[in-house]
Amino acid sequence: YQRRGQGGTGGIGFGPLGLKEDPEAYARRQLTEVKNGRLAMIAISGMTHHYFLTGKGPIQFITQIPNFKSCAAAAVDTGLCK
């Protein structure tokens, strides 16, 4: 098996925007992407745990807030979100 490209994750040699030219900026962007991914995993975990504890998803929970009027309430009322 021979690895092609520049090596590393996603190293297939495709970089039309030249974002890898500055190694310091590239390392910073990689770190930012990892941090954003971790934050997204924590957010999904929080929503999942909230659902397990209350039995209500995020849209159903938000629509029960007094004086809440938005398209989310309309989505629940019309049956788009159950």
PDB file of N, CA and C in Angstrom:
ATOM      1  N   TYR A   1       0.847  -1.189   0.000  1.00  0.00           N
ATOM      2  CA  TYR A   1       0.000   0.000   0.000  1.00  0.00           C
ATOM      3  C   TYR A   1       0.876   1.230   0.000  1.00  0.00           C
ATOM      4  N   GLN A   2       0.670   2.109  -0.938  1.00  0.00           N
ATOM      5  CA  GLN A   2       1.450   3.341  -1.057  1.00  0.00           C
ATOM      6  C   GLN A   2       0.520   4.520  -0.811  1.00  0.00           C
ATOM      7  N   ARG A   3       0.870   5.353   0.153  1.00  0.00           N
ATOM      8  CA  ARG A   3       0.056   6.526   0.458  1.00  0.00           C
ATOM      9  C   ARG A   3       0.364   7.641  -0.530  1.00  0.00           C
ATOM     10  N   ARG A   4      -0.691   8.221  -1.099  1.00  0.00           N
ATOM     11  CA  ARG A   4      -0.512   9.313  -2.049  1.00  0.00           C
ATOM     12  C   ARG A   4      -0.747  10.651  -1.374  1.00  0.00           C
ATOM     13  N   GLY A   5      -0.304  11.703  -1.953  1.00  0.00           N
ATOM     14  CA  GLY A   5      -0.576  13.044  -1.449  1.00  0.00           C
ATOM     15  C   GLY A   5       0.463  13.502  -0.437  1.00  0.00           C
ATOM     16  N   GLN A   6       0.063  14.464   0.371  1.00  0.00           N
ATOM     17  CA  GLN A   6       0.978  15.101   1.305  1.00  0.00           C
ATOM     18  C   GLN A   6       1.029  14.395   2.650  1.00  0.00           C
ATOM     19  N   GLY A   7       0.236  13.370   2.842  1.00  0.00           N
ATOM     20  CA  GLY A   7       0.239  12.643   4.107  1.00  0.00           C
ATOM     21  C   GLY A   7      -0.652  13.304   5.135  1.00  0.00           C
ATOM     22  N   GLY A   8      -0.886  12.589   6.208  1.00  0.00           N
ATOM     23  CA  GLY A   8      -1.750  13.125   7.251  1.00  0.00           C
ATOM     24  C   GLY A   8      -3.216  12.979   6.903  1.00  0.00           C
ATOM     25  N   THR A   9      -4.056  13.351   7.818  1.00  0.00           N
ATOM     26  CA  THR A   9      -5.483  13.248   7.602  1.00  0.00           C
ATOM     27  C   THR A   9      -5.910  14.180   6.482  1.00  0.00           C
ATOM     28  N   GLY A  10      -6.613  13.641   5.530  1.00  0.00           N
ATOM     29  CA  GLY A  10      -7.088  14.432   4.407  1.00  0.00           C
ATOM     30  C   GLY A  10      -5.987  14.830   3.440  1.00  0.00           C
ATOM     31  N   GLY A  11      -4.833  14.217   3.530  1.00  0.00           N
ATOM     32  CA  GLY A  11      -3.703  14.582   2.681  1.00  0.00           C
ATOM     33  C   GLY A  11      -3.782  13.937   1.316  1.00  0.00           C
ATOM     34  N   ILE A  12      -4.726  14.387   0.506  1.00  0.00           N
ATOM     35  CA  ILE A  12      -4.867  13.824  -0.829  1.00  0.00           C
ATOM     36  C   ILE A  12      -4.268  14.745  -1.887  1.00  0.00           C
ATOM     37  N   GLY A  13      -3.615  15.802  -1.420  1.00  0.00           N
ATOM     38  CA  GLY A  13      -2.958  16.700  -2.355  1.00  0.00           C
ATOM     39  C   GLY A  13      -3.892  17.710  -2.994  1.00  0.00           C
ATOM     40  N   PHE A  14      -5.075  17.899  -2.454  1.00  0.00           N
ATOM     41  CA  PHE A  14      -6.047  18.832  -3.020  1.00  0.00           C
ATOM     42  C   PHE A  14      -6.076  20.090  -2.171  1.00  0.00           C
ATOM     43  N   GLY A  15      -5.674  21.212  -2.743  1.00  0.00           N
ATOM     44  CA  GLY A  15      -5.671  22.468  -2.004  1.00  0.00           C
ATOM     45  C   GLY A  15      -5.727  23.654  -2.946  1.00  0.00           C
ATOM     46  N   PRO A  16      -6.866  23.870  -3.633  1.00  0.00           N
ATOM     47  CA  PRO A  16      -6.920  24.932  -4.637  1.00  0.00           C
ATOM     48  C   PRO A  16      -6.833  26.338  -4.049  1.00  0.00           C
ATOM     49  N   LEU A  17      -7.150  26.508  -2.774  1.00  0.00           N
ATOM     50  CA  LEU A  17      -7.115  27.849  -2.182  1.00  0.00           C
ATOM     51  C   LEU A  17      -5.766  28.182  -1.564  1.00  0.00           C
ATOM     52  N   GLY A  18      -4.881  27.211  -1.483  1.00  0.00           N
ATOM     53  CA  GLY A  18      -3.558  27.455  -0.924  1.00  0.00           C
ATOM     54  C   GLY A  18      -3.566  27.730   0.572  1.00  0.00           C
ATOM     55  N   LEU A  19      -4.484  27.114   1.308  1.00  0.00           N
ATOM     56  CA  LEU A  19      -4.597  27.375   2.738  1.00  0.00           C
ATOM     57  C   LEU A  19      -3.485  26.711   3.553  1.00  0.00           C
ATOM     58  N   LYS A  20      -2.751  25.788   2.945  1.00  0.00           N
ATOM     59  CA  LYS A  20      -1.676  25.112   3.665  1.00  0.00           C
ATOM     60  C   LYS A  20      -0.318  25.795   3.496  1.00  0.00           C
ATOM     61  N   GLU A  21      -0.288  26.884   2.786  1.00  0.00           N
ATOM     62  CA  GLU A  21       1.000  27.525   2.504  1.00  0.00           C
ATOM     63  C   GLU A  21       1.642  28.119   3.746  1.00  0.00           C
ATOM     64  N   ASP A  22       0.856  28.692   4.649  1.00  0.00           N
ATOM     65  CA  ASP A  22       1.383  29.242   5.888  1.00  0.00           C
ATOM     66  C   ASP A  22       1.182  28.210   6.993  1.00  0.00           C
ATOM     67  N   PRO A  23       2.266  27.531   7.420  1.00  0.00           N
ATOM     68  CA  PRO A  23       2.108  26.454   8.400  1.00  0.00           C
ATOM     69  C   PRO A  23       1.538  26.913   9.739  1.00  0.00           C
ATOM     70  N   GLU A  24       1.865  28.118  10.171  1.00  0.00           N
ATOM     71  CA  GLU A  24       1.361  28.612  11.448  1.00  0.00           C
ATOM     72  C   GLU A  24      -0.152  28.850  11.387  1.00  0.00           C
ATOM     73  N   ALA A  25      -0.616  29.486  10.329  1.00  0.00           N
ATOM     74  CA  ALA A  25      -2.046  29.729  10.167  1.00  0.00           C
ATOM     75  C   ALA A  25      -2.792  28.413   9.966  1.00  0.00           C
ATOM     76  N   TYR A  26      -2.182  27.475   9.250  1.00  0.00           N
ATOM     77  CA  TYR A  26      -2.815  26.174   9.023  1.00  0.00           C
ATOM     78  C   TYR A  26      -2.975  25.421  10.338  1.00  0.00           C
ATOM     79  N   ALA A  27      -1.964  25.453  11.191  1.00  0.00           N
ATOM     80  CA  ALA A  27      -2.041  24.791  12.495  1.00  0.00           C
ATOM     81  C   ALA A  27      -3.124  25.435  13.361  1.00  0.00           C
ATOM     82  N   ARG A  28      -3.243  26.751  13.277  1.00  0.00           N
ATOM     83  CA  ARG A  28      -4.273  27.450  14.042  1.00  0.00           C
ATOM     84  C   ARG A  28      -5.661  27.059  13.557  1.00  0.00           C
ATOM     85  N   ARG A  29      -5.844  26.967  12.227  1.00  0.00           N
ATOM     86  CA  ARG A  29      -7.138  26.558  11.678  1.00  0.00           C
ATOM     87  C   ARG A  29      -7.477  25.120  12.053  1.00  0.00           C
ATOM     88  N   GLN A  30      -6.478  24.251  12.063  1.00  0.00           N
ATOM     89  CA  GLN A  30      -6.718  22.867  12.471  1.00  0.00           C
ATOM     90  C   GLN A  30      -7.185  22.812  13.924  1.00  0.00           C
ATOM     91  N   LEU A  31      -6.534  23.546  14.790  1.00  0.00           N
ATOM     92  CA  LEU A  31      -6.913  23.574  16.195  1.00  0.00           C
ATOM     93  C   LEU A  31      -8.318  24.146  16.373  1.00  0.00           C
ATOM     94  N   THR A  32      -8.632  25.197  15.634  1.00  0.00           N
ATOM     95  CA  THR A  32      -9.961  25.793  15.700  1.00  0.00           C
ATOM     96  C   THR A  32     -11.020  24.787  15.261  1.00  0.00           C
ATOM     97  N   GLU A  33     -10.733  24.026  14.216  1.00  0.00           N
ATOM     98  CA  GLU A  33     -11.686  23.034  13.725  1.00  0.00           C
ATOM     99  C   GLU A  33     -11.914  21.932  14.753  1.00  0.00           C
ATOM    100  N   VAL A  34     -10.869  21.490  15.408  1.00  0.00           N
ATOM    101  CA  VAL A  34     -11.011  20.467  16.448  1.00  0.00           C
ATOM    102  C   VAL A  34     -11.834  21.002  17.611  1.00  0.00           C
ATOM    103  N   LYS A  35     -11.565  22.241  18.020  1.00  0.00           N
ATOM    104  CA  LYS A  35     -12.330  22.830  19.130  1.00  0.00           C
ATOM    105  C   LYS A  35     -13.798  22.991  18.761  1.00  0.00           C
ATOM    106  N   ASN A  36     -14.100  23.410  17.532  1.00  0.00           N
ATOM    107  CA  ASN A  36     -15.489  23.546  17.097  1.00  0.00           C
ATOM    108  C   ASN A  36     -16.191  22.191  17.086  1.00  0.00           C
ATOM    109  N   GLY A  37     -15.485  21.160  16.647  1.00  0.00           N
ATOM    110  CA  GLY A  37     -16.053  19.816  16.644  1.00  0.00           C
ATOM    111  C   GLY A  37     -16.352  19.330  18.048  1.00  0.00           C
ATOM    112  N   ARG A  38     -15.458  19.595  18.977  1.00  0.00           N
ATOM    113  CA  ARG A  38     -15.688  19.184  20.368  1.00  0.00           C
ATOM    114  C   ARG A  38     -16.867  19.931  20.974  1.00  0.00           C
ATOM    115  N   LEU A  39     -16.984  21.201  20.685  1.00  0.00           N
ATOM    116  CA  LEU A  39     -18.106  21.981  21.188  1.00  0.00           C
ATOM    117  C   LEU A  39     -19.429  21.469  20.617  1.00  0.00           C
ATOM    118  N   ALA A  40     -19.426  21.100  19.341  1.00  0.00           N
ATOM    119  CA  ALA A  40     -20.636  20.547  18.726  1.00  0.00           C
ATOM    120  C   ALA A  40     -21.014  19.221  19.380  1.00  0.00           C
ATOM    121  N   MET A  41     -20.032  18.383  19.700  1.00  0.00           N
ATOM    122  CA  MET A  41     -20.329  17.112  20.367  1.00  0.00           C
ATOM    123  C   MET A  41     -20.916  17.336  21.754  1.00  0.00           C
ATOM    124  N   ILE A  42     -20.407  18.323  22.479  1.00  0.00           N
ATOM    125  CA  ILE A  42     -20.952  18.641  23.801  1.00  0.00           C
ATOM    126  C   ILE A  42     -22.382  19.149  23.669  1.00  0.00           C
ATOM    127  N   ALA A  43     -22.653  19.979  22.662  1.00  0.00           N
ATOM    128  CA  ALA A  43     -23.998  20.518  22.469  1.00  0.00           C
ATOM    129  C   ALA A  43     -24.992  19.406  22.150  1.00  0.00           C
ATOM    130  N   ILE A  44     -24.634  18.506  21.258  1.00  0.00           N
ATOM    131  CA  ILE A  44     -25.526  17.396  20.909  1.00  0.00           C
ATOM    132  C   ILE A  44     -25.734  16.499  22.116  1.00  0.00           C
ATOM    133  N   SER A  45     -24.683  16.269  22.885  1.00  0.00           N
ATOM    134  CA  SER A  45     -24.807  15.457  24.093  1.00  0.00           C
ATOM    135  C   SER A  45     -25.766  16.109  25.083  1.00  0.00           C
ATOM    136  N   GLY A  46     -25.683  17.413  25.244  1.00  0.00           N
ATOM    137  CA  GLY A  46     -26.580  18.126  26.145  1.00  0.00           C
ATOM    138  C   GLY A  46     -28.027  18.033  25.701  1.00  0.00           C
ATOM    139  N   MET A  47     -28.270  18.180  24.392  1.00  0.00           N
ATOM    140  CA  MET A  47     -29.638  18.070  23.893  1.00  0.00           C
ATOM    141  C   MET A  47     -30.173  16.653  24.069  1.00  0.00           C
ATOM    142  N   THR A  48     -29.325  15.651  23.851  1.00  0.00           N
ATOM    143  CA  THR A  48     -29.739  14.259  24.015  1.00  0.00           C
ATOM    144  C   THR A  48     -30.077  13.971  25.473  1.00  0.00           C
ATOM    145  N   HIS A  49     -29.245  14.417  26.391  1.00  0.00           N
ATOM    146  CA  HIS A  49     -29.510  14.186  27.801  1.00  0.00           C
ATOM    147  C   HIS A  49     -30.775  14.913  28.255  1.00  0.00           C
ATOM    148  N   HIS A  50     -30.986  16.111  27.743  1.00  0.00           N
ATOM    149  CA  HIS A  50     -32.207  16.846  28.075  1.00  0.00           C
ATOM    150  C   HIS A  50     -33.426  16.068  27.601  1.00  0.00           C
ATOM    151  N   TYR A  51     -33.352  15.490  26.409  1.00  0.00           N
ATOM    152  CA  TYR A  51     -34.470  14.708  25.893  1.00  0.00           C
ATOM    153  C   TYR A  51     -34.719  13.482  26.773  1.00  0.00           C
ATOM    154  N   PHE A  52     -33.654  12.801  27.193  1.00  0.00           N
ATOM    155  CA  PHE A  52     -33.823  11.612  28.035  1.00  0.00           C
ATOM    156  C   PHE A  52     -34.416  11.968  29.393  1.00  0.00           C
ATOM    157  N   LEU A  53     -34.076  13.127  29.927  1.00  0.00           N
ATOM    158  CA  LEU A  53     -34.584  13.515  31.241  1.00  0.00           C
ATOM    159  C   LEU A  53     -36.023  14.029  31.190  1.00  0.00           C
ATOM    160  N   THR A  54     -36.370  14.794  30.152  1.00  0.00           N
ATOM    161  CA  THR A  54     -37.689  15.429  30.108  1.00  0.00           C
ATOM    162  C   THR A  54     -38.647  14.772  29.129  1.00  0.00           C
ATOM    163  N   GLY A  55     -38.133  14.046  28.177  1.00  0.00           N
ATOM    164  CA  GLY A  55     -38.979  13.450  27.147  1.00  0.00           C
ATOM    165  C   GLY A  55     -39.408  14.429  26.080  1.00  0.00           C
ATOM    166  N   LYS A  56     -38.829  15.621  26.069  1.00  0.00           N
ATOM    167  CA  LYS A  56     -39.175  16.647  25.085  1.00  0.00           C
ATOM    168  C   LYS A  56     -37.919  17.088  24.345  1.00  0.00           C
ATOM    169  N   GLY A  57     -38.073  17.254  23.049  1.00  0.00           N
ATOM    170  CA  GLY A  57     -36.965  17.745  22.246  1.00  0.00           C
ATOM    171  C   GLY A  57     -36.798  19.238  22.397  1.00  0.00           C
ATOM    172  N   PRO A  58     -35.767  19.820  21.774  1.00  0.00           N
ATOM    173  CA  PRO A  58     -35.507  21.247  21.929  1.00  0.00           C
ATOM    174  C   PRO A  58     -36.638  22.137  21.421  1.00  0.00           C
ATOM    175  N   ILE A  59     -37.274  21.777  20.323  1.00  0.00           N
ATOM    176  CA  ILE A  59     -38.341  22.625  19.783  1.00  0.00           C
ATOM    177  C   ILE A  59     -39.561  22.579  20.692  1.00  0.00           C
ATOM    178  N   GLN A  60     -39.911  21.383  21.178  1.00  0.00           N
ATOM    179  CA  GLN A  60     -41.054  21.276  22.083  1.00  0.00           C
ATOM    180  C   GLN A  60     -40.789  22.042  23.377  1.00  0.00           C
ATOM    181  N   PHE A  61     -39.567  22.015  23.858  1.00  0.00           N
ATOM    182  CA  PHE A  61     -39.221  22.733  25.079  1.00  0.00           C
ATOM    183  C   PHE A  61     -39.330  24.243  24.875  1.00  0.00           C
ATOM    184  N   ILE A  62     -38.820  24.736  23.756  1.00  0.00           N
ATOM    185  CA  ILE A  62     -38.835  26.175  23.488  1.00  0.00           C
ATOM    186  C   ILE A  62     -40.262  26.683  23.325  1.00  0.00           C
ATOM    187  N   THR A  63     -41.120  25.879  22.700  1.00  0.00           N
ATOM    188  CA  THR A  63     -42.491  26.348  22.464  1.00  0.00           C
ATOM    189  C   THR A  63     -43.292  26.434  23.750  1.00  0.00           C
ATOM    190  N   GLN A  64     -42.830  25.853  24.836  1.00  0.00           N
ATOM    191  CA  GLN A  64     -43.553  25.939  26.104  1.00  0.00           C
ATOM    192  C   GLN A  64     -43.146  27.150  26.933  1.00  0.00           C
ATOM    193  N   ILE A  65     -42.212  27.938  26.452  1.00  0.00           N
ATOM    194  CA  ILE A  65     -41.820  29.162  27.135  1.00  0.00           C
ATOM    195  C   ILE A  65     -42.943  30.183  26.949  1.00  0.00           C
ATOM    196  N   PRO A  66     -43.398  30.832  28.036  1.00  0.00           N
ATOM    197  CA  PRO A  66     -44.504  31.799  27.891  1.00  0.00           C
ATOM    198  C   PRO A  66     -44.167  32.909  26.894  1.00  0.00           C
ATOM    199  N   ASN A  67     -45.154  33.297  26.114  1.00  0.00           N
ATOM    200  CA  ASN A  67     -45.058  34.373  25.114  1.00  0.00           C
ATOM    201  C   ASN A  67     -44.064  34.078  23.998  1.00  0.00           C
ATOM    202  N   PHE A  68     -43.840  32.810  23.730  1.00  0.00           N
ATOM    203  CA  PHE A  68     -42.927  32.445  22.646  1.00  0.00           C
ATOM    204  C   PHE A  68     -43.706  32.372  21.345  1.00  0.00           C
ATOM    205  N   LYS A  69     -43.321  33.199  20.375  1.00  0.00           N
ATOM    206  CA  LYS A  69     -43.986  33.181  19.081  1.00  0.00           C
ATOM    207  C   LYS A  69     -42.919  33.189  18.004  1.00  0.00           C
ATOM    208  N   SER A  70     -42.883  32.120  17.240  1.00  0.00           N
ATOM    209  CA  SER A  70     -41.946  32.072  16.120  1.00  0.00           C
ATOM    210  C   SER A  70     -42.377  30.970  15.174  1.00  0.00           C
ATOM    211  N   CYS A  71     -41.567  30.739  14.201  1.00  0.00           N
ATOM    212  CA  CYS A  71     -41.874  29.680  13.245  1.00  0.00           C
ATOM    213  C   CYS A  71     -41.723  28.302  13.887  1.00  0.00           C
ATOM    214  N   ALA A  72     -40.954  28.191  14.983  1.00  0.00           N
ATOM    215  CA  ALA A  72     -40.816  26.903  15.664  1.00  0.00           C
ATOM    216  C   ALA A  72     -42.153  26.473  16.240  1.00  0.00           C
ATOM    217  N   ALA A  73     -42.909  27.397  16.828  1.00  0.00           N
ATOM    218  CA  ALA A  73     -44.227  27.061  17.368  1.00  0.00           C
ATOM    219  C   ALA A  73     -45.168  26.646  16.241  1.00  0.00           C
ATOM    220  N   ALA A  74     -45.093  27.322  15.113  1.00  0.00           N
ATOM    221  CA  ALA A  74     -45.926  26.973  13.973  1.00  0.00           C
ATOM    222  C   ALA A  74     -45.557  25.596  13.431  1.00  0.00           C
ATOM    223  N   ALA A  75     -44.266  25.263  13.471  1.00  0.00           N
ATOM    224  CA  ALA A  75     -43.835  23.953  12.989  1.00  0.00           C
ATOM    225  C   ALA A  75     -44.407  22.838  13.848  1.00  0.00           C
ATOM    226  N   VAL A  76     -44.462  23.038  15.142  1.00  0.00           N
ATOM    227  CA  VAL A  76     -45.037  22.040  16.035  1.00  0.00           C
ATOM    228  C   VAL A  76     -46.542  21.962  15.831  1.00  0.00           C
ATOM    229  N   ASP A  77     -47.215  23.097  15.700  1.00  0.00           N
ATOM    230  CA  ASP A  77     -48.656  23.132  15.529  1.00  0.00           C
ATOM    231  C   ASP A  77     -49.097  22.463  14.233  1.00  0.00           C
ATOM    232  N   THR A  78     -48.336  22.630  13.182  1.00  0.00           N
ATOM    233  CA  THR A  78     -48.698  22.046  11.885  1.00  0.00           C
ATOM    234  C   THR A  78     -48.275  20.600  11.756  1.00  0.00           C
ATOM    235  N   GLY A  79     -47.511  20.097  12.714  1.00  0.00           N
ATOM    236  CA  GLY A  79     -47.104  18.694  12.684  1.00  0.00           C
ATOM    237  C   GLY A  79     -45.780  18.435  11.981  1.00  0.00           C
ATOM    238  N   LEU A  80     -45.066  19.495  11.609  1.00  0.00           N
ATOM    239  CA  LEU A  80     -43.761  19.294  10.990  1.00  0.00           C
ATOM    240  C   LEU A  80     -42.759  18.701  11.970  1.00  0.00           C
ATOM    241  N   CYS A  81     -42.875  19.093  13.229  1.00  0.00           N
ATOM    242  CA  CYS A  81     -42.019  18.570  14.289  1.00  0.00           C
ATOM    243  C   CYS A  81     -42.913  17.875  15.312  1.00  0.00           C
ATOM    244  N   LYS A  82     -42.594  16.641  15.603  1.00  0.00           N
ATOM    245  CA  LYS A  82     -43.419  15.894  16.563  1.00  0.00           C
ATOM    246  C   LYS A  82     -42.616  15.576  17.790  1.00  0.00           C
TER     247      LYS A  82
END
